[in-house]
């Protein structure tokens, strides 16, 4: 289980105000809680989904990403 304090710590590492704000922290926390509470997912699926969310938070917070539409 991912604690909200861990999410806050990840967000604080970013210089981007867009990531380091209460709304993003709350949104990420809610997404992870929804995944953790989903009865139809296996434990492996829950961990994979939470890791994808946290990895994206870290990647977009640390690196300049050029998105191609």
N, C-alpha and C. Protein backbone atom coordinates (compact mmCIF):
# COMPACT_ATOMS: atom_id res chain seq x y z
N UNK A 1 0.83 -1.18 0.00
CA UNK A 1 0.00 0.00 0.00
C UNK A 1 0.88 1.25 0.00
N UNK A 2 0.52 2.19 -0.84
CA UNK A 2 1.27 3.43 -0.97
C UNK A 2 0.65 4.47 -0.04
N UNK A 3 1.46 5.06 0.82
CA UNK A 3 1.01 6.07 1.75
C UNK A 3 1.00 7.45 1.07
N UNK A 4 0.09 8.32 1.47
CA UNK A 4 0.02 9.65 0.87
C UNK A 4 1.31 10.44 1.12
N UNK A 5 1.99 10.16 2.21
CA UNK A 5 3.26 10.85 2.48
C UNK A 5 4.32 10.49 1.44
N UNK A 6 4.29 9.26 0.95
CA UNK A 6 5.21 8.87 -0.12
C UNK A 6 4.90 9.63 -1.40
N UNK A 7 3.63 9.80 -1.70
CA UNK A 7 3.22 10.55 -2.88
C UNK A 7 3.66 12.01 -2.75
N UNK A 8 3.47 12.58 -1.57
CA UNK A 8 3.90 13.97 -1.32
C UNK A 8 5.41 14.10 -1.53
N UNK A 9 6.16 13.13 -1.03
CA UNK A 9 7.62 13.18 -1.16
C UNK A 9 8.04 13.13 -2.63
N UNK A 10 7.38 12.30 -3.43
CA UNK A 10 7.69 12.23 -4.85
C UNK A 10 7.38 13.55 -5.52
N UNK A 11 6.23 14.13 -5.20
CA UNK A 11 5.82 15.39 -5.82
C UNK A 11 6.74 16.54 -5.41
N UNK A 12 7.23 16.53 -4.19
CA UNK A 12 8.12 17.59 -3.72
C UNK A 12 9.47 17.56 -4.42
N UNK A 13 9.85 16.42 -4.99
CA UNK A 13 11.12 16.33 -5.71
C UNK A 13 11.09 17.11 -7.01
N UNK A 14 9.90 17.42 -7.49
CA UNK A 14 9.75 18.10 -8.77
C UNK A 14 9.79 19.61 -8.58
N UNK A 15 10.43 20.29 -9.51
CA UNK A 15 10.43 21.75 -9.52
C UNK A 15 9.17 22.29 -10.19
N UNK A 16 8.38 21.42 -10.75
CA UNK A 16 7.17 21.84 -11.45
C UNK A 16 6.04 22.06 -10.45
N UNK A 17 5.50 23.27 -10.43
CA UNK A 17 4.39 23.54 -9.53
C UNK A 17 3.15 22.74 -9.91
N UNK A 18 3.07 22.36 -11.19
CA UNK A 18 1.92 21.59 -11.64
C UNK A 18 1.84 20.23 -10.95
N UNK A 19 2.97 19.66 -10.60
CA UNK A 19 2.99 18.36 -9.93
C UNK A 19 3.02 18.48 -8.42
N UNK A 20 3.71 19.49 -7.93
CA UNK A 20 3.86 19.65 -6.49
C UNK A 20 2.73 20.52 -5.95
N UNK A 21 1.51 20.02 -6.01
CA UNK A 21 0.37 20.75 -5.46
C UNK A 21 -0.64 19.76 -4.89
N UNK A 22 -1.48 20.24 -3.97
CA UNK A 22 -2.41 19.34 -3.28
C UNK A 22 -3.39 18.61 -4.20
N UNK A 23 -3.80 19.23 -5.29
CA UNK A 23 -4.75 18.57 -6.19
C UNK A 23 -4.13 17.35 -6.87
N UNK A 24 -2.91 17.48 -7.32
CA UNK A 24 -2.23 16.35 -7.96
C UNK A 24 -1.98 15.25 -6.93
N UNK A 25 -1.54 15.63 -5.75
CA UNK A 25 -1.29 14.66 -4.70
C UNK A 25 -2.58 13.90 -4.37
N UNK A 26 -3.67 14.63 -4.23
CA UNK A 26 -4.96 14.00 -3.93
C UNK A 26 -5.44 13.11 -5.06
N UNK A 27 -5.24 13.56 -6.31
CA UNK A 27 -5.67 12.78 -7.47
C UNK A 27 -4.89 11.47 -7.56
N UNK A 28 -3.59 11.54 -7.40
CA UNK A 28 -2.75 10.34 -7.47
C UNK A 28 -3.10 9.40 -6.32
N UNK A 29 -3.29 9.96 -5.13
CA UNK A 29 -3.67 9.14 -3.98
C UNK A 29 -5.00 8.43 -4.24
N UNK A 30 -5.97 9.15 -4.80
CA UNK A 30 -7.27 8.56 -5.08
C UNK A 30 -7.17 7.46 -6.14
N UNK A 31 -6.39 7.68 -7.19
CA UNK A 31 -6.22 6.65 -8.22
C UNK A 31 -5.64 5.37 -7.62
N UNK A 32 -4.63 5.53 -6.78
CA UNK A 32 -3.98 4.36 -6.18
C UNK A 32 -4.94 3.66 -5.21
N UNK A 33 -5.70 4.43 -4.44
CA UNK A 33 -6.67 3.82 -3.52
C UNK A 33 -7.75 3.05 -4.29
N UNK A 34 -8.20 3.60 -5.41
CA UNK A 34 -9.20 2.91 -6.23
C UNK A 34 -8.66 1.58 -6.73
N UNK A 35 -7.42 1.58 -7.16
CA UNK A 35 -6.78 0.35 -7.64
C UNK A 35 -6.65 -0.65 -6.49
N UNK A 36 -6.18 -0.18 -5.34
CA UNK A 36 -5.98 -1.07 -4.19
C UNK A 36 -7.29 -1.68 -3.71
N UNK A 37 -8.38 -0.97 -3.85
CA UNK A 37 -9.68 -1.44 -3.35
C UNK A 37 -10.49 -2.21 -4.38
N UNK A 38 -9.97 -2.36 -5.58
CA UNK A 38 -10.69 -3.08 -6.64
C UNK A 38 -10.61 -4.58 -6.38
N UNK A 39 -11.76 -5.17 -6.15
CA UNK A 39 -11.83 -6.59 -5.80
C UNK A 39 -11.50 -7.52 -6.96
N UNK A 40 -11.69 -7.06 -8.19
CA UNK A 40 -11.48 -7.95 -9.34
C UNK A 40 -10.03 -8.00 -9.80
N UNK A 41 -9.16 -7.15 -9.26
CA UNK A 41 -7.75 -7.17 -9.64
C UNK A 41 -6.97 -8.12 -8.74
N UNK A 42 -5.98 -8.79 -9.32
CA UNK A 42 -5.08 -9.60 -8.51
C UNK A 42 -4.08 -8.66 -7.82
N UNK A 43 -3.37 -9.16 -6.84
CA UNK A 43 -2.37 -8.35 -6.15
C UNK A 43 -1.29 -7.89 -7.13
N UNK A 44 -0.91 -8.75 -8.05
CA UNK A 44 0.10 -8.40 -9.04
C UNK A 44 -0.40 -7.26 -9.94
N UNK A 45 -1.65 -7.32 -10.35
CA UNK A 45 -2.23 -6.26 -11.18
C UNK A 45 -2.28 -4.94 -10.41
N UNK A 46 -2.63 -4.98 -9.15
CA UNK A 46 -2.68 -3.78 -8.31
C UNK A 46 -1.30 -3.15 -8.19
N UNK A 47 -0.30 -3.97 -7.94
CA UNK A 47 1.06 -3.45 -7.80
C UNK A 47 1.57 -2.87 -9.11
N UNK A 48 1.29 -3.54 -10.21
CA UNK A 48 1.72 -3.06 -11.51
C UNK A 48 1.08 -1.71 -11.83
N UNK A 49 -0.22 -1.59 -11.63
CA UNK A 49 -0.92 -0.34 -11.93
C UNK A 49 -0.41 0.81 -11.04
N UNK A 50 -0.22 0.55 -9.76
CA UNK A 50 0.29 1.59 -8.86
C UNK A 50 1.71 2.00 -9.25
N UNK A 51 2.53 1.04 -9.64
CA UNK A 51 3.90 1.35 -10.07
C UNK A 51 3.91 2.18 -11.36
N UNK A 52 3.00 1.92 -12.26
CA UNK A 52 2.91 2.71 -13.49
C UNK A 52 2.54 4.15 -13.16
N UNK A 53 1.58 4.34 -12.28
CA UNK A 53 1.18 5.70 -11.90
C UNK A 53 2.34 6.44 -11.24
N UNK A 54 2.99 5.81 -10.27
CA UNK A 54 4.10 6.46 -9.58
C UNK A 54 5.29 6.70 -10.50
N UNK A 55 5.57 5.76 -11.39
CA UNK A 55 6.67 5.93 -12.34
C UNK A 55 6.43 7.13 -13.25
N UNK A 56 5.20 7.27 -13.72
CA UNK A 56 4.88 8.42 -14.57
C UNK A 56 5.01 9.72 -13.80
N UNK A 57 4.59 9.73 -12.55
CA UNK A 57 4.73 10.92 -11.72
C UNK A 57 6.20 11.30 -11.58
N UNK A 58 7.05 10.33 -11.35
CA UNK A 58 8.49 10.59 -11.22
C UNK A 58 9.08 11.04 -12.54
N UNK A 59 8.77 10.36 -13.62
CA UNK A 59 9.34 10.70 -14.93
C UNK A 59 8.93 12.10 -15.36
N UNK A 60 7.64 12.41 -15.28
CA UNK A 60 7.17 13.72 -15.72
C UNK A 60 7.62 14.83 -14.78
N UNK A 61 7.95 14.50 -13.54
CA UNK A 61 8.42 15.49 -12.59
C UNK A 61 9.89 15.80 -12.71
N UNK A 62 10.68 14.90 -13.26
CA UNK A 62 12.12 15.07 -13.31
C UNK A 62 12.68 15.41 -14.69
N UNK A 63 11.99 14.99 -15.72
CA UNK A 63 12.57 15.10 -17.05
C UNK A 63 11.69 15.94 -17.97
N UNK A 64 12.31 16.63 -18.89
CA UNK A 64 11.55 17.37 -19.91
C UNK A 64 11.08 16.36 -20.93
N UNK A 65 9.79 16.23 -21.06
CA UNK A 65 9.20 15.26 -21.96
C UNK A 65 8.56 16.00 -23.13
N UNK A 66 8.96 15.67 -24.33
CA UNK A 66 8.33 16.22 -25.52
C UNK A 66 7.25 15.26 -25.96
N UNK A 67 6.03 15.69 -25.84
CA UNK A 67 4.91 14.84 -26.24
C UNK A 67 4.59 15.06 -27.70
N UNK A 68 4.45 13.99 -28.41
CA UNK A 68 4.09 14.04 -29.83
C UNK A 68 2.64 13.59 -29.95
N UNK A 69 1.82 14.48 -30.48
CA UNK A 69 0.38 14.15 -30.58
C UNK A 69 0.10 13.40 -31.86
